[in-house]
Amino acid sequence: MEPLLTEKQLAILLQISILTIRRNRSTAPHRLPSHVKFGSAVRYRLSTVLKWLEDHEVGKERSDQSDYSIESKSPKKEKRPGSGRPPKAETVRKTKNADR
């Protein structure tokens, strides 16, 4: 049978508090590896945790990086003059000129 980690063991491995694990499990489950529940006991499969850590490694070479190349991104559209909200200084100036 595969080893199961307790919340405390996971907290030590990830170097976060048990409270953070409990909070994230209920409010942001995407921030933790999937868990197994036996009644009120919560456990984490060691293989699942290790795979989750690998998947969240930053700067790791991936075989599917071609999908994330800079050239494939669409160029930003140029803003048209006068589009969007005017700066506050311009609004104040217009208000003062209108009062005169």
Foldseek 3Di string as FASTA:
>chain_A
DFDKAFLVRVCVVVVHDSVVVVVCVPPPVVVAFDWDDDPPGIIHGPVRRVVVVVVPDPPDDDPPCVVVDPVPDDDDDDDDPPPDDDDPVVVVVVVVVVVD
